[in-house]
Amino acid sequence: MAELIQSENATNTSFFEDSSKNGSFIREGYLDLTLFGKIFAGIDLFFAPWIIFGNTLILIAVYFEHKLHTIPNAFIASLAVADLLVGLVTIPLYVVFYLKLPNVEKNKYLCLFRTSMALYSCGSSLLNLLLMSFDRYLAVIYPLRYHALMTPKRAKNALIVLWVFITVVSFVPLTGWNAWKDGSVCDLYAVLAREHIYFSVHFLVLCCLTLTTILYSRIFYVAHSHRKQIQASSKLNAAATRRREREFKSAKVMSLILLLFVLFWLPYLTCGILKIFKSLTWDVVEVSKSFALCLSLSNSMVNPIVYSLLKKDFRKVFQNFLFSWFRCCTVCRTTNTRHVVNISEDSSTTEFSMCLRKSSSVF
């Protein structure tokens, strides 16, 4: 095993060293990395506003709408925070590197911060999905004991532990534990310590996905058995049956969120094996990884769409908020027009204030 790890380290080192020697290996390729960098920067900049808008809308809905003040929605809000950070921090950092701004590639701490944010984005989302699957497991398997098992205090503590853990794991390279060398290519596999890669990229991701899959498999098995019991007997409590069906529908939505996460992130997580193929030049590997990363980051835009389509409570709040916001904007434009034609300021201000009061009453 030790020999295998040493061999892999040697392969990685030689691969990235060859790619950084005066750019000679890059010139041997066939792809214009500057052009592709601008393309990927444009794609990410297109995604960023939608990611910010969608996840901000989720946080606003959960915060202001009293009916959404539930433990499962607290976990949804936590996932929205992770996705929001992608649009606010992770994507701008990658855009800076894609555009190859002066002295960016040689900046050690900016490179490590970009790499840490990629781990932070993926890791926090994955741990939130694991926590959400565990919450749905308790709700479906132990419906009568759910509120005793998952109390608000326990949910809060679980979220605190989650964010502290992933923050430490993701940003420990900035404290000195890294493999950065002068002239290193700013790549996760080149600048992070090998043990850190094994734990954060391989072990942590594999464990989270395995546990989450087991939990959802158990949920679907129990839900299927419950439906067979309903068909065989009419003596089951109708209220309990409706509650279980509601929890199962919520679990299906969360399992879809997990499936989409895997589909969007799996290409990037497996891109590390591309360096094994000697026939692939460095520029081909870089373009492939950048394309896979754009796909992965776009996953942060998908969750609000899923909630608006499949979760009735969120859909209603989204519709009410957007409708009220549109009305306020319309009244604001009308107010400005009235000022131009010398309509009294008092009446226009009153009308706009009424719009704001109606908008706030939605929540």
Protein backbone atom coordinates (compact mmCIF):
# COMPACT_ATOMS: atom_id res chain seq x y z
CA MET A 1 0.00 0.00 0.00
CA ALA A 2 2.83 2.39 0.86
CA GLU A 3 4.48 1.66 -2.49
CA LEU A 4 1.21 2.38 -4.30
CA ILE A 5 0.84 5.75 -2.57
CA GLN A 6 4.47 6.67 -3.31
CA SER A 7 3.95 5.74 -6.94
CA GLU A 8 0.81 7.88 -7.18
CA ASN A 9 2.57 10.82 -5.54
CA ALA A 10 5.41 10.54 -8.03
CA THR A 11 2.94 10.46 -10.93
CA ASN A 12 1.11 13.55 -9.66
CA THR A 13 4.33 15.45 -9.00
CA SER A 14 5.84 14.72 -12.40
CA PHE A 15 2.56 15.55 -14.14
CA PHE A 16 2.25 19.02 -12.63
CA GLU A 17 5.99 19.74 -12.77
CA ASP A 18 6.03 18.97 -16.48
CA SER A 19 3.06 21.25 -17.01
CA SER A 20 4.76 24.21 -15.33
CA LYS A 21 8.20 24.16 -16.94
CA ASN A 22 8.18 27.46 -18.80
CA GLY A 23 4.78 26.56 -20.21
CA SER A 24 6.43 24.18 -22.72
CA PHE A 25 4.02 21.36 -22.01
CA ILE A 26 1.08 23.73 -22.43
CA ARG A 27 2.33 24.85 -25.86
CA GLU A 28 2.55 21.23 -26.98
CA GLY A 29 -1.23 20.95 -26.59
CA TYR A 30 -3.88 21.87 -29.10
CA LEU A 31 -6.29 23.96 -27.01
CA ASP A 32 -6.25 27.71 -26.49
CA LEU A 33 -6.47 27.88 -22.69
CA THR A 34 -6.91 31.67 -22.73
CA LEU A 35 -10.00 31.37 -24.93
CA PHE A 36 -11.43 28.53 -22.86
CA GLY A 37 -10.71 30.50 -19.69
CA LYS A 38 -12.84 33.38 -20.98
CA ILE A 39 -15.60 30.95 -21.95
CA PHE A 40 -15.65 29.32 -18.51
CA ALA A 41 -15.54 32.73 -16.83
CA GLY A 42 -18.54 33.81 -18.88
CA ILE A 43 -20.46 30.64 -17.98
CA ASP A 44 -19.75 31.08 -14.28
CA LEU A 45 -20.67 34.77 -14.35
CA PHE A 46 -23.97 33.80 -15.98
CA PHE A 47 -24.71 31.27 -13.22
CA ALA A 48 -23.68 33.49 -10.28
CA PRO A 49 -26.64 35.97 -10.26
CA TRP A 50 -29.18 33.15 -10.53
CA ILE A 51 -27.48 31.21 -7.73
CA ILE A 52 -27.49 34.30 -5.51
CA PHE A 53 -31.09 35.20 -6.37
CA GLY A 54 -32.54 31.70 -5.92
CA ASN A 55 -30.85 30.90 -2.63
CA THR A 56 -31.47 34.37 -1.22
CA LEU A 57 -35.14 33.81 -2.00
CA ILE A 58 -35.06 30.56 -0.02
CA LEU A 59 -33.49 32.28 2.99
CA ILE A 60 -35.98 35.14 2.83
CA ALA A 61 -38.89 32.70 2.62
CA VAL A 62 -37.71 30.58 5.56
CA TYR A 63 -36.94 33.64 7.68
CA PHE A 64 -40.13 35.63 7.10
CA GLU A 65 -42.78 32.95 6.56
CA HIS A 66 -43.87 31.58 9.93
CA LYS A 67 -45.25 28.38 8.40
CA LEU A 68 -41.77 27.53 7.14
CA HIS A 69 -40.22 27.71 10.61
CA THR A 70 -39.66 23.94 10.87
CA ILE A 71 -36.60 21.80 11.51
CA PRO A 72 -36.48 20.32 7.96
CA ASN A 73 -36.62 23.83 6.52
CA ALA A 74 -33.78 24.90 8.82
CA PHE A 75 -31.65 22.26 7.10
CA ILE A 76 -32.86 23.52 3.71
CA ALA A 77 -31.82 27.05 4.71
CA SER A 78 -28.40 25.73 5.77
CA LEU A 79 -27.97 24.12 2.35
CA ALA A 80 -29.05 27.41 0.76
CA VAL A 81 -26.29 29.22 2.69
CA ALA A 82 -23.74 26.74 1.27
CA ASP A 83 -25.06 27.34 -2.25
CA LEU A 84 -25.16 31.10 -1.72
CA LEU A 85 -21.45 31.08 -0.83
CA VAL A 86 -20.79 29.47 -4.20
CA GLY A 87 -22.30 32.44 -6.01
CA LEU A 88 -20.80 35.08 -3.73
CA VAL A 89 -17.26 33.74 -3.19
CA THR A 90 -16.34 30.52 -5.01
CA ILE A 91 -17.35 31.55 -8.53
CA PRO A 92 -15.69 35.02 -8.38
CA LEU A 93 -12.45 33.37 -7.23
CA TYR A 94 -12.46 30.94 -10.15
CA VAL A 95 -13.33 33.71 -12.60
CA VAL A 96 -10.23 35.61 -11.47
CA PHE A 97 -8.07 32.58 -12.27
CA TYR A 98 -9.87 31.84 -15.55
CA LEU A 99 -9.14 35.37 -16.77
CA LYS A 100 -5.47 34.98 -15.76
CA LEU A 101 -5.19 38.35 -14.10
CA PRO A 102 -1.62 39.52 -13.29
CA ASN A 103 0.21 37.66 -10.49
CA VAL A 104 -2.83 35.51 -9.71
CA GLU A 105 -1.30 32.11 -10.49
CA LYS A 106 1.76 32.89 -8.36
CA ASN A 107 -0.25 34.05 -5.35
CA LYS A 108 0.06 31.20 -2.85
CA TYR A 109 -2.71 32.18 -0.44
CA LEU A 110 -5.18 33.18 -3.14
CA CYS A 111 -4.67 29.79 -4.77
CA LEU A 112 -5.07 27.93 -1.47
CA PHE A 113 -8.16 29.99 -0.63
CA ARG A 114 -9.71 29.13 -4.01
CA THR A 115 -9.00 25.44 -3.48
CA SER A 116 -10.34 25.58 0.07
CA MET A 117 -13.56 27.24 -1.14
CA ALA A 118 -14.08 24.45 -3.67
CA LEU A 119 -13.78 21.90 -0.84
CA TYR A 120 -16.01 24.09 1.33
CA SER A 121 -18.73 24.30 -1.32
CA CYS A 122 -18.79 20.58 -2.00
CA GLY A 123 -18.26 19.46 1.59
CA SER A 124 -20.85 21.73 3.21
CA SER A 125 -23.47 20.78 0.64
CA LEU A 126 -22.75 17.09 1.08
CA LEU A 127 -22.87 17.22 4.88
CA ASN A 128 -26.11 19.21 4.77
CA LEU A 129 -27.59 16.57 2.46
CA LEU A 130 -26.50 13.87 4.91
CA LEU A 131 -28.12 15.72 7.79
CA MET A 132 -31.31 16.21 5.78
CA SER A 133 -31.45 12.50 4.93
CA PHE A 134 -31.02 11.60 8.61
CA ASP A 135 -33.84 14.00 9.52
CA ARG A 136 -36.15 12.42 6.92
CA TYR A 137 -35.12 8.97 8.16
CA LEU A 138 -36.27 9.81 11.68
CA ALA A 139 -39.51 11.37 10.38
CA VAL A 140 -40.46 8.33 8.28
CA ILE A 141 -39.13 5.48 10.42
CA TYR A 142 -40.06 6.93 13.84
CA PRO A 143 -43.00 9.28 13.11
CA LEU A 144 -44.39 9.19 16.66
CA ARG A 145 -41.02 9.90 18.28
CA TYR A 146 -39.68 12.32 15.66
CA HIS A 147 -40.31 15.51 17.63
CA ALA A 148 -38.72 13.98 20.72
CA LEU A 149 -35.67 12.75 18.79
CA MET A 150 -35.10 15.80 16.57
CA THR A 151 -35.64 18.76 18.86
CA PRO A 152 -34.84 22.36 17.80
CA LYS A 153 -31.87 22.39 20.16
CA ARG A 154 -30.42 19.18 18.69
CA ALA A 155 -30.97 20.45 15.17
CA LYS A 156 -29.18 23.70 16.03
CA ASN A 157 -26.25 21.84 17.61
CA ALA A 158 -26.01 19.52 14.61
CA LEU A 159 -25.78 22.50 12.25
CA ILE A 160 -23.13 24.17 14.41
CA VAL A 161 -21.01 21.01 14.47
CA LEU A 162 -21.45 20.59 10.71
CA TRP A 163 -20.25 24.09 9.84
CA VAL A 164 -17.38 24.09 12.33
CA PHE A 165 -16.18 20.70 11.08
CA ILE A 166 -16.28 21.54 7.37
CA THR A 167 -14.66 24.95 8.00
CA VAL A 168 -11.71 23.34 9.78
CA VAL A 169 -11.32 20.59 7.17
CA SER A 170 -11.56 22.98 4.22
CA PHE A 171 -9.34 25.82 5.43
CA VAL A 172 -6.59 23.91 7.25
CA PRO A 173 -4.31 24.28 4.14
CA LEU A 174 -4.20 28.03 4.81
CA THR A 175 -2.61 27.34 8.21
CA GLY A 176 0.46 25.73 6.62
CA TRP A 177 -0.49 22.10 5.94
CA ASN A 178 -0.22 22.09 2.15
CA ALA A 179 2.06 21.02 -0.69
CA TRP A 180 2.54 24.43 -2.29
CA LYS A 181 5.86 25.03 -4.04
CA ASP A 182 7.03 28.07 -5.96
CA GLY A 183 5.93 27.60 -9.55
CA SER A 184 3.21 25.11 -8.66
CA VAL A 185 0.14 24.91 -10.86
CA CYS A 186 -2.90 26.06 -8.88
CA ASP A 187 -4.62 22.69 -8.85
CA LEU A 188 -6.20 20.84 -5.95
CA TYR A 189 -4.06 17.75 -6.51
CA ALA A 190 -0.89 19.85 -6.75
CA VAL A 191 -1.20 22.23 -3.80
CA LEU A 192 -2.93 20.12 -1.12
CA ALA A 193 -1.19 17.60 1.09
CA ARG A 194 -1.77 14.03 -0.07
CA GLU A 195 -3.30 12.95 3.27
CA HIS A 196 -5.70 15.90 3.13
CA ILE A 197 -6.84 14.90 -0.35
CA TYR A 198 -7.42 11.32 0.75
CA PHE A 199 -9.54 12.44 3.69
CA SER A 200 -11.50 15.42 2.29
CA VAL A 201 -11.95 14.32 -1.32
CA HIS A 202 -12.05 10.53 -1.11
CA PHE A 203 -12.92 9.34 2.39
CA LEU A 204 -15.36 12.11 3.40
CA VAL A 205 -17.25 12.14 0.10
CA LEU A 206 -17.47 8.35 -0.04
CA CYS A 207 -18.68 8.07 3.56
CA CYS A 208 -21.33 10.79 3.16
CA LEU A 209 -22.66 9.35 -0.08
CA THR A 210 -22.71 5.81 1.32
CA LEU A 211 -24.53 6.80 4.52
CA THR A 212 -27.02 8.98 2.66
CA THR A 213 -27.76 6.20 0.17
CA ILE A 214 -28.34 3.71 3.00
CA LEU A 215 -30.71 6.09 4.79
CA TYR A 216 -32.81 6.81 1.70
CA SER A 217 -32.89 3.12 0.78
CA ARG A 218 -34.30 2.36 4.21
CA ILE A 219 -36.82 5.22 3.88
CA PHE A 220 -38.13 3.96 0.55
CA TYR A 221 -38.30 0.37 1.78
CA VAL A 222 -40.37 1.35 4.82
CA ALA A 223 -42.61 3.61 2.73
CA HIS A 224 -43.24 0.76 0.29
CA SER A 225 -44.09 -1.61 3.16
CA HIS A 226 -46.42 1.00 4.65
CA ARG A 227 -48.31 1.35 1.40
CA LYS A 228 -48.78 -2.41 1.20
CA GLN A 229 -50.24 -2.33 4.72
CA ILE A 230 -52.67 0.40 3.67
CA GLN A 231 -53.84 -1.68 0.74
CA ALA A 232 -54.29 -4.76 2.95
CA SER A 233 -56.12 -3.06 5.81
CA SER A 234 -58.47 -0.10 6.23
CA LYS A 235 -58.02 0.10 9.99
CA LEU A 236 -54.97 2.31 9.97
CA ASN A 237 -55.34 5.80 11.36
CA ALA A 238 -56.12 8.22 8.55
CA ALA A 239 -54.25 11.15 10.13
CA ALA A 240 -51.14 9.04 10.73
CA THR A 241 -51.31 7.80 7.15
CA ARG A 242 -51.50 11.34 5.76
CA ARG A 243 -48.60 12.40 7.96
CA ARG A 244 -46.45 9.52 6.75
CA GLU A 245 -47.31 10.25 3.14
CA ARG A 246 -46.35 13.89 3.66
CA GLU A 247 -43.02 12.92 5.21
CA PHE A 248 -42.38 10.43 2.43
CA LYS A 249 -43.05 13.08 -0.24
CA SER A 250 -40.57 15.37 1.50
CA ALA A 251 -38.03 12.53 1.54
CA LYS A 252 -38.51 12.02 -2.19
CA VAL A 253 -37.75 15.70 -2.85
CA MET A 254 -34.62 15.51 -0.68
CA SER A 255 -33.49 12.32 -2.41
CA LEU A 256 -33.88 14.10 -5.77
CA ILE A 257 -31.70 16.93 -4.43
CA LEU A 258 -29.07 14.32 -3.50
CA LEU A 259 -29.29 12.62 -6.91
CA LEU A 260 -28.80 15.94 -8.69
CA PHE A 261 -25.84 16.75 -6.44
CA VAL A 262 -24.17 13.45 -7.37
CA LEU A 263 -24.86 13.92 -11.08
CA PHE A 264 -23.47 17.47 -11.06
CA TRP A 265 -20.40 16.86 -8.86
CA LEU A 266 -19.34 13.33 -9.87
CA PRO A 267 -17.59 14.39 -13.11
CA TYR A 268 -15.38 16.86 -11.23
CA LEU A 269 -14.64 14.47 -8.37
CA THR A 270 -13.49 11.83 -10.85
CA CYS A 271 -11.43 14.19 -13.03
CA GLY A 272 -8.35 13.44 -10.94
CA ILE A 273 -7.91 10.12 -12.75
CA LEU A 274 -7.44 11.89 -16.11
CA LYS A 275 -3.77 12.52 -15.33
CA ILE A 276 -3.19 8.76 -15.43
CA PHE A 277 -3.79 8.70 -19.18
CA LYS A 278 -0.46 9.60 -20.78
CA SER A 279 -2.12 10.31 -24.14
CA LEU A 280 -3.92 13.35 -22.69
CA THR A 281 -1.96 16.59 -22.74
CA TRP A 282 -2.13 18.97 -19.79
CA ASP A 283 -4.35 21.48 -21.59
CA VAL A 284 -6.95 18.80 -22.39
CA VAL A 285 -7.02 17.75 -18.73
CA GLU A 286 -7.38 21.36 -17.57
CA VAL A 287 -10.24 22.12 -19.95
CA SER A 288 -12.02 18.89 -18.97
CA LYS A 289 -11.69 19.70 -15.26
CA SER A 290 -12.82 23.30 -15.76
CA PHE A 291 -15.88 22.17 -17.70
CA ALA A 292 -16.72 19.61 -15.00
CA LEU A 293 -16.29 22.26 -12.31
CA CYS A 294 -18.66 24.66 -14.12
CA LEU A 295 -21.22 21.86 -14.15
CA SER A 296 -20.65 21.21 -10.45
CA LEU A 297 -21.01 24.84 -9.41
CA SER A 298 -24.22 25.18 -11.41
CA ASN A 299 -25.79 22.65 -9.03
CA SER A 300 -26.19 25.51 -6.55
CA MET A 301 -28.70 27.06 -8.96
CA VAL A 302 -30.83 23.90 -9.23
CA ASN A 303 -32.10 23.46 -5.66
CA PRO A 304 -34.37 26.58 -5.59
CA ILE A 305 -35.91 25.39 -8.87
CA VAL A 306 -36.63 21.96 -7.38
CA TYR A 307 -38.23 23.49 -4.28
CA SER A 308 -40.41 25.83 -6.34
CA LEU A 309 -41.61 22.96 -8.54
CA LEU A 310 -42.04 20.16 -6.00
CA LYS A 311 -42.62 21.78 -2.59
CA LYS A 312 -46.02 23.45 -2.44
CA ASP A 313 -45.27 25.53 0.68
CA PHE A 314 -42.15 27.07 -0.86
CA ARG A 315 -43.85 27.59 -4.20
CA LYS A 316 -46.65 29.64 -2.63
CA VAL A 317 -44.24 31.84 -0.69
CA PHE A 318 -42.07 32.39 -3.78
CA GLN A 319 -45.10 33.36 -5.85
CA ASN A 320 -46.45 35.74 -3.19
CA PHE A 321 -43.08 37.39 -2.67
CA LEU A 322 -42.31 37.84 -6.38
CA PHE A 323 -45.84 39.10 -7.08
CA SER A 324 -45.62 41.63 -4.23
CA TRP A 325 -42.15 42.71 -5.30
CA PHE A 326 -43.35 43.20 -8.88
CA ARG A 327 -46.32 45.25 -7.67
CA CYS A 328 -44.04 47.47 -5.55
CA CYS A 329 -41.74 48.03 -8.51
CA THR A 330 -44.74 48.92 -10.68
CA VAL A 331 -46.07 51.37 -8.08
CA CYS A 332 -42.59 52.85 -7.70
CA ARG A 333 -42.36 53.49 -11.46
CA THR A 334 -45.88 54.91 -11.46
CA THR A 335 -44.95 57.17 -8.55
CA ASN A 336 -41.94 58.52 -10.42
CA THR A 337 -44.12 59.20 -13.46
CA ARG A 338 -46.65 61.08 -11.35
CA HIS A 339 -43.90 63.25 -9.94
CA VAL A 340 -42.96 64.20 -13.48
CA VAL A 341 -46.50 65.34 -14.23
CA ASN A 342 -46.64 67.22 -10.90
CA ILE A 343 -49.01 64.90 -9.05
CA SER A 344 -48.93 65.67 -5.33
CA GLU A 345 -46.07 64.03 -3.45
CA ASP A 346 -48.22 63.15 -0.45
CA SER A 347 -50.61 60.91 -2.37
CA SER A 348 -47.81 59.10 -4.23
CA THR A 349 -45.85 58.48 -1.04
CA THR A 350 -48.98 57.17 0.64
CA GLU A 351 -49.65 54.78 -2.23
CA PHE A 352 -46.07 53.50 -2.19
CA SER A 353 -46.19 53.04 1.60
CA MET A 354 -49.40 51.03 1.24
CA CYS A 355 -47.65 48.79 -1.29
CA LEU A 356 -44.78 48.18 1.13
CA ARG A 357 -47.21 47.31 3.93
CA LYS A 358 -49.06 44.85 1.69
CA SER A 359 -45.75 43.32 0.59
CA SER A 360 -44.60 42.84 4.19
CA SER A 361 -47.96 41.33 5.13
CA VAL A 362 -47.25 38.44 2.73
CA PHE A 363 -44.79 37.10 5.31
